[in-house]
Protein backbone atom coordinates (compact mmCIF):
# COMPACT_ATOMS: atom_id res chain seq x y z
CA MET A 1 0.00 0.00 0.00
CA LYS A 2 1.22 3.49 -0.82
CA ALA A 3 1.90 5.99 1.86
CA ILE A 4 0.01 9.28 1.72
CA ARG A 5 2.35 12.16 1.10
CA SER A 6 2.06 15.45 2.83
CA PRO A 7 1.71 18.49 0.55
CA SER A 8 4.96 20.00 -0.66
CA ARG A 9 6.18 23.11 1.08
CA HIS A 10 7.24 24.62 -2.27
CA ALA A 11 3.81 24.89 -3.86
CA GLY A 12 3.50 28.71 -4.05
CA PHE A 13 5.40 31.96 -4.43
CA SER A 14 7.16 33.61 -1.55
CA LEU A 15 6.40 37.17 -0.53
CA ILE A 16 9.81 38.29 -1.79
CA GLU A 17 9.17 36.81 -5.23
CA LEU A 18 5.82 38.58 -5.43
CA MET A 19 7.36 41.90 -4.35
CA VAL A 20 10.06 41.58 -7.04
CA VAL A 21 7.36 41.06 -9.68
CA VAL A 22 5.36 44.03 -8.37
CA ALA A 23 8.50 46.21 -8.47
CA ILE A 24 9.24 45.18 -12.07
CA VAL A 25 5.66 45.91 -13.15
CA ALA A 26 5.78 49.31 -11.42
CA ILE A 27 9.02 50.23 -13.20
CA LEU A 28 7.61 49.19 -16.57
CA ALA A 29 4.40 51.16 -15.92
CA ALA A 30 6.39 54.25 -14.90
CA ILE A 31 8.17 54.13 -18.24
CA ALA A 32 5.24 53.11 -20.44
CA TYR A 33 2.47 55.44 -19.20
CA PRO A 34 4.19 58.77 -20.02
CA ASN A 35 5.11 57.43 -23.46
CA TYR A 36 1.53 56.31 -24.01
CA THR A 37 0.01 59.67 -23.04
CA ASP A 38 2.55 61.50 -25.21
CA THR A 39 1.62 59.31 -28.17
CA VAL A 40 -2.10 59.92 -27.59
CA ARG A 41 -1.54 63.69 -27.45
CA ARG A 42 0.48 63.63 -30.67
CA SER A 43 -2.23 61.62 -32.41
CA ASN A 44 -4.91 64.03 -31.15
CA ARG A 45 -3.19 66.85 -33.05
CA SER A 46 -4.84 65.49 -36.17
CA ASP A 47 -8.13 66.83 -34.79
CA ALA A 48 -6.77 70.39 -34.91
CA ARG A 49 -5.13 69.91 -38.29
CA ALA A 50 -8.29 68.51 -39.89
CA THR A 51 -10.53 71.18 -38.38
CA LEU A 52 -8.25 74.06 -39.39
CA LEU A 53 -8.03 72.76 -42.95
CA GLN A 54 -11.82 72.30 -43.19
CA ILE A 55 -12.43 75.83 -41.91
CA ALA A 56 -9.81 77.19 -44.33
CA GLN A 57 -11.74 75.56 -47.18
CA SER A 58 -14.96 77.12 -45.92
CA LEU A 59 -13.29 80.53 -45.65
CA GLU A 60 -12.03 80.24 -49.22
CA ARG A 61 -15.55 79.39 -50.38
CA TYR A 62 -16.82 82.42 -48.44
CA PHE A 63 -14.15 84.61 -50.08
CA THR A 64 -15.10 83.31 -53.53
CA GLU A 65 -18.73 84.31 -52.98
CA ASN A 66 -18.12 87.64 -51.18
CA ASN A 67 -14.65 88.75 -52.37
CA THR A 68 -13.72 89.41 -48.73
CA TYR A 69 -13.20 87.53 -45.48
CA ALA A 70 -14.89 90.31 -43.51
CA GLY A 71 -18.18 89.18 -42.03
CA ALA A 72 -17.28 85.49 -41.85
CA THR A 73 -18.10 84.00 -38.44
CA LEU A 74 -17.68 80.81 -36.41
CA GLY A 75 -20.32 79.19 -34.24
CA THR A 76 -22.96 81.93 -34.23
CA ALA A 77 -25.68 80.04 -36.10
CA ALA A 78 -25.75 82.92 -38.58
CA ALA A 79 -25.81 82.60 -42.35
CA THR A 80 -22.24 83.92 -42.37
CA ASP A 81 -20.93 80.96 -40.35
CA VAL A 82 -18.12 79.11 -42.06
CA TRP A 83 -18.03 76.56 -39.22
CA PRO A 84 -20.97 75.61 -36.98
CA THR A 85 -19.07 75.73 -33.68
CA THR A 86 -16.00 77.22 -32.00
CA THR A 87 -14.53 73.81 -31.15
CA SER A 88 -12.73 71.21 -33.23
CA THR A 89 -14.45 68.11 -34.53
CA GLU A 90 -13.48 66.04 -31.47
CA ASN A 91 -13.77 68.98 -29.00
CA ARG A 92 -10.06 68.87 -28.14
CA TYR A 93 -9.32 72.39 -29.42
CA THR A 94 -10.98 75.80 -29.28
CA ILE A 95 -11.00 77.42 -32.71
CA SER A 96 -10.74 81.15 -33.41
CA PHE A 97 -9.76 83.27 -36.36
CA SER A 98 -8.86 86.83 -37.10
CA VAL A 99 -9.27 88.76 -40.32
CA ALA A 100 -6.62 91.28 -41.36
CA PRO A 101 -7.71 94.94 -41.69
CA SER A 102 -7.53 94.56 -45.48
CA ALA A 103 -10.17 91.79 -45.20
CA THR A 104 -8.18 89.75 -47.71
CA ALA A 105 -6.18 87.72 -45.19
CA TYR A 106 -6.95 85.59 -42.16
CA THR A 107 -5.25 83.51 -39.49
CA LEU A 108 -6.93 80.48 -37.95
CA GLN A 109 -5.92 79.32 -34.48
CA ALA A 110 -6.58 76.08 -32.58
CA ALA A 111 -5.88 76.22 -28.83
CA ALA A 112 -5.71 72.91 -26.96
CA THR A 113 -8.24 72.27 -24.17
CA GLY A 114 -8.76 69.58 -21.54
CA PHE A 115 -6.39 66.61 -21.67
CA GLN A 116 -4.81 68.01 -24.82
CA ASP A 117 -3.60 71.25 -23.17
CA LYS A 118 -0.72 69.28 -21.63
CA ASP A 119 0.71 69.11 -25.17
CA THR A 120 3.21 71.91 -24.56
CA GLU A 121 4.84 71.64 -28.00
CA CYS A 122 1.60 72.21 -29.89
CA ALA A 123 -0.76 73.88 -27.44
CA THR A 124 -1.62 76.44 -30.14
CA MET A 125 -1.61 75.65 -33.85
CA THR A 126 -2.17 78.26 -36.56
CA LEU A 127 -2.94 78.32 -40.27
CA SER A 128 -2.91 81.44 -42.44
CA HIS A 129 -4.66 82.27 -45.70
CA LEU A 130 -1.33 81.58 -47.47
CA GLY A 131 -1.19 78.08 -46.00
CA VAL A 132 1.56 78.97 -43.53
CA ARG A 133 1.34 76.45 -40.69
CA ALA A 134 2.85 76.96 -37.26
CA PRO A 135 4.49 75.43 -35.34
CA ALA A 136 5.92 73.52 -38.28
CA ALA A 137 6.76 70.43 -36.17
CA CYS A 138 3.07 69.98 -35.31
CA TRP A 139 1.92 69.68 -38.89
């Protein structure tokens, strides 16, 4: 007849082994999370780029019909609106624009809001009537 064995004393992990694993995971998370959030912020810049380019197209259409940029508006629900709101498509940027005194030039601006305002490199992106984009690294 076989003898019944007592359970082995080496069946689990020791507290030290678990703490080493927790420390390794914490170090990896400390490295990965900032890189992840930076990547998300950089990818969210496409929201500003797309919105600024769409509004620029609308402003050019407005200029074609009126021979001036004067009177064009954003987000007022007026017939002169070239964009229905003062925010970007995904609501990550506040959009504004200014018309030059000659009324033949404009500058569009997208200012980051919420989570996106931590994007210090590209907190404000601009596009002019000549297609000049700033900051260049953000486009």
